[in-house]
Protein backbone atom coordinates (compact mmCIF):
# COMPACT_ATOMS: atom_id res chain seq x y z
CA UNK A 1 -9.14 -21.48 -4.16
CA UNK A 2 -11.00 -19.09 -1.88
CA UNK A 3 -9.56 -15.63 -2.02
CA UNK A 4 -9.23 -13.41 1.65
CA UNK A 5 -7.90 -9.97 0.74
CA UNK A 6 -6.73 -7.66 3.83
CA UNK A 7 -6.72 -4.21 2.48
CA UNK A 8 -4.31 -1.96 5.04
CA UNK A 9 -4.00 2.34 4.82
CA UNK A 10 -2.06 5.02 6.61
CA UNK A 11 -2.60 7.05 9.42
CA UNK A 12 -2.52 11.51 8.20
CA UNK A 13 1.15 12.40 8.19
CA UNK A 14 3.43 15.58 7.71
CA UNK A 15 1.25 18.10 5.68
CA UNK A 16 -1.49 15.50 4.95
CA UNK A 17 -4.41 16.54 7.30
CA UNK A 18 -6.51 13.93 5.76
CA UNK A 19 -5.29 10.59 4.31
CA UNK A 20 -7.87 9.10 1.51
CA UNK A 21 -6.40 5.66 1.85
CA UNK A 22 -6.87 5.72 5.73
CA UNK A 23 -10.30 7.31 4.67
CA UNK A 24 -11.77 4.82 2.02
CA UNK A 25 -11.15 1.88 5.05
CA UNK A 26 -14.11 2.42 6.82
CA UNK A 27 -16.63 2.56 4.49
CA UNK A 28 -14.47 -0.96 2.78
CA UNK A 29 -15.04 -2.61 6.44
CA UNK A 30 -18.83 -1.60 6.01
CA UNK A 31 -18.83 -3.43 2.33
CA UNK A 32 -17.02 -6.56 4.22
CA UNK A 33 -13.54 -5.94 2.88
CA UNK A 34 -11.04 -6.77 6.37
CA UNK A 35 -9.17 -3.45 6.49
CA UNK A 36 -6.14 -2.52 8.71
CA UNK A 37 -5.47 0.92 9.72
CA UNK A 38 -1.18 1.18 9.82
CA UNK A 39 0.71 4.32 11.46
CA UNK A 40 3.15 6.21 8.85
CA UNK A 41 6.38 4.52 11.05
CA UNK A 42 9.34 2.83 9.90
CA UNK A 43 9.51 0.96 12.92
CA UNK A 44 5.28 0.33 13.88
CA UNK A 45 4.03 -0.26 10.41
CA UNK A 46 5.30 -3.63 8.99
CA UNK A 47 5.09 -4.27 13.29
CA UNK A 48 1.41 -4.12 13.12
CA UNK A 49 0.72 -5.58 10.08
CA UNK A 50 2.85 -8.76 11.36
CA UNK A 51 1.09 -8.71 14.25
CA UNK A 52 -2.13 -8.79 13.01
CA UNK A 53 -1.71 -11.40 9.95
CA UNK A 54 -0.03 -13.83 12.74
CA UNK A 55 -3.67 -13.94 14.46
CA UNK A 56 -5.09 -13.63 11.05
CA UNK A 57 -3.34 -15.84 8.42
CA UNK A 58 -6.24 -16.97 6.50
CA UNK A 59 -5.61 -13.64 3.99
CA UNK A 60 -4.27 -14.88 -0.11
CA UNK A 61 -4.20 -11.39 -0.96
CA UNK A 62 -2.67 -8.09 0.56
CA UNK A 63 -3.61 -4.58 -1.25
CA UNK A 64 -2.00 -1.95 0.96
CA UNK A 65 -3.02 1.89 0.15
CA UNK A 66 -0.99 5.22 0.55
CA UNK A 67 -1.24 8.52 -0.55
CA UNK A 68 0.73 10.46 -2.91
CA UNK A 69 -0.19 13.78 -2.61
CA UNK A 70 2.38 14.57 -5.57
CA UNK A 71 0.30 12.43 -8.21
CA UNK A 72 -2.44 13.23 -9.78
CA UNK A 73 -3.95 10.34 -10.33
CA UNK A 74 -4.45 6.51 -8.90
CA UNK A 75 -1.07 4.31 -9.27
CA UNK A 76 0.21 0.63 -8.75
CA UNK A 77 3.63 -0.39 -7.64
CA UNK A 78 5.83 -2.75 -9.20
CA UNK A 79 8.57 -2.77 -7.11
CA UNK A 80 9.78 -2.27 -4.04
CA UNK A 81 13.14 -1.53 -3.05
CA UNK A 82 15.35 -2.33 -0.20
CA UNK A 83 16.63 1.17 0.24
CA UNK A 84 15.01 3.87 2.77
CA UNK A 85 15.41 7.44 2.16
CA UNK A 86 13.17 9.88 3.67
CA UNK A 87 12.43 13.58 2.77
CA UNK A 88 10.59 14.11 6.31
CA UNK A 89 10.51 12.18 9.38
CA UNK A 90 7.92 9.51 10.00
CA UNK A 91 5.33 10.13 12.75
CA UNK A 92 7.37 9.00 15.07
CA UNK A 93 10.32 11.23 14.04
CA UNK A 94 12.43 9.00 12.36
CA UNK A 95 14.31 10.20 9.41
CA UNK A 96 16.61 7.22 7.80
CA UNK A 97 18.63 8.63 5.01
CA UNK A 98 20.49 6.29 2.48
CA UNK A 99 19.64 3.19 4.47
CA UNK A 100 19.10 -0.46 3.01
CA UNK A 101 15.51 -1.16 4.88
CA UNK A 102 17.29 -5.41 5.19
CA UNK A 103 21.21 -5.40 5.85
CA UNK A 104 21.51 -9.44 5.29
CA UNK A 105 24.36 -9.69 1.79
CA UNK A 106 20.71 -12.27 0.98
CA UNK A 107 18.42 -9.70 0.38
CA UNK A 108 17.14 -8.59 -2.95
CA UNK A 109 17.64 -4.84 -4.05
CA UNK A 110 14.02 -5.17 -5.38
CA UNK A 111 11.23 -7.36 -5.27
CA UNK A 112 8.15 -7.62 -8.00
CA UNK A 113 4.80 -6.99 -6.36
CA UNK A 114 2.57 -10.26 -7.46
CA UNK A 115 -0.72 -8.59 -8.40
CA UNK A 116 -0.99 -8.35 -12.17
CA UNK A 117 -0.47 -4.45 -13.24
CA UNK A 118 -2.14 -4.65 -16.29
CA UNK A 119 -5.21 -5.91 -14.29
CA UNK A 120 -4.79 -2.57 -12.43
CA UNK A 121 -4.81 -0.66 -15.23
CA UNK A 122 -8.20 -2.48 -17.20
CA UNK A 123 -9.97 -1.76 -13.77
CA UNK A 124 -8.56 2.08 -13.93
CA UNK A 125 -10.10 2.51 -17.28
CA UNK A 126 -13.64 0.56 -16.06
CA UNK A 127 -13.91 3.65 -13.39
CA UNK A 128 -12.11 6.30 -15.87
CA UNK A 129 -9.19 6.58 -13.54
CA UNK A 130 -6.33 7.22 -15.83
CA UNK A 131 -4.12 4.77 -13.26
CA UNK A 132 -0.41 4.26 -14.11
CA UNK A 133 1.91 2.15 -13.11
CA UNK A 134 4.81 3.71 -10.64
CA UNK A 135 8.07 1.18 -11.30
CA UNK A 136 8.64 2.16 -7.14
CA UNK A 137 6.65 3.53 -3.96
CA UNK A 138 9.66 5.37 -3.36
CA UNK A 139 11.88 5.10 -0.34
CA UNK A 140 9.58 6.21 2.66
CA UNK A 141 7.12 4.22 5.00
CA UNK A 142 5.28 3.14 1.97
CA UNK A 143 8.57 1.63 -0.19
CA UNK A 144 9.47 0.28 4.22
CA UNK A 145 6.32 -1.48 3.97
CA UNK A 146 5.78 -3.19 0.87
CA UNK A 147 9.78 -4.28 0.66
CA UNK A 148 9.08 -6.14 4.16
CA UNK A 149 5.64 -7.35 2.98
CA UNK A 150 6.95 -8.79 0.12
CA UNK A 151 9.92 -10.61 1.65
CA UNK A 152 8.48 -11.83 4.87
CA UNK A 153 5.34 -12.88 2.52
CA UNK A 154 6.08 -14.49 -0.46
CA UNK A 155 2.89 -16.48 0.05
CA UNK A 156 0.23 -13.59 -0.71
CA UNK A 157 -0.31 -11.77 -3.68
CA UNK A 158 0.53 -8.11 -2.31
CA UNK A 159 0.78 -5.26 -3.88
CA UNK A 160 0.56 -1.41 -3.35
CA UNK A 161 -1.62 1.35 -4.91
CA UNK A 162 -1.12 5.21 -4.24
CA UNK A 163 -3.28 7.32 -4.49
CA UNK A 164 -4.18 11.10 -4.85
CA UNK A 165 -5.51 13.68 -2.58
CA UNK A 166 -9.24 13.50 -1.62
CA UNK A 167 -10.00 16.58 -4.22
CA UNK A 168 -8.58 14.72 -7.04
CA UNK A 169 -10.04 11.45 -6.29
CA UNK A 170 -12.98 11.22 -4.12
CA UNK A 171 -13.19 8.45 -1.62
CA UNK A 172 -16.61 6.84 -2.89
CA UNK A 173 -15.02 6.67 -5.88
CA UNK A 174 -11.69 5.58 -4.77
CA UNK A 175 -13.80 3.28 -2.55
CA UNK A 176 -16.15 1.51 -6.01
CA UNK A 177 -12.98 1.18 -7.48
CA UNK A 178 -11.76 -0.93 -4.58
CA UNK A 179 -14.63 -3.35 -4.72
CA UNK A 180 -14.40 -4.02 -8.16
CA UNK A 181 -10.84 -4.59 -8.08
CA UNK A 182 -11.08 -6.94 -5.46
CA UNK A 183 -14.08 -8.68 -6.67
CA UNK A 184 -12.33 -9.92 -9.67
CA UNK A 185 -8.71 -10.62 -8.60
């Protein structure tokens, strides 16, 4: 099976005027990787992704990127949880508090990502990134997107990678890591 990978990133939000998950998309696209910029919006992020995937149905892997400005190192998420609780509003001014993402009785409380966390750790060692496993993607738009992606696209291998601020991880090093990671999936 030929792999076809899409990497998403988010626009800046809140106090983050610069979002490395956005900034790395352009150099990745120059190197032949399909990328998609998503809005930091509980209502729009998955909608934009879904609209894109409905037209481009050939993907096998989906890697979401987002900034975790309070983290010092790159991390991969293990689980998306069916919960949203925003400390700050998204870019549309929406600030859900203690809500389920999906309210149906059959909606799982959590869904595991489908790309090996061990493989991520091995790759991060190749680049001296001190990568680590985070056991859930928080309760903001990142988790909302990951949960909806995992529950709506069971055929895709999906994960979410949180990156620190650019002063803690240079964009060119992040780019090189992601190229290596995707080439070796």
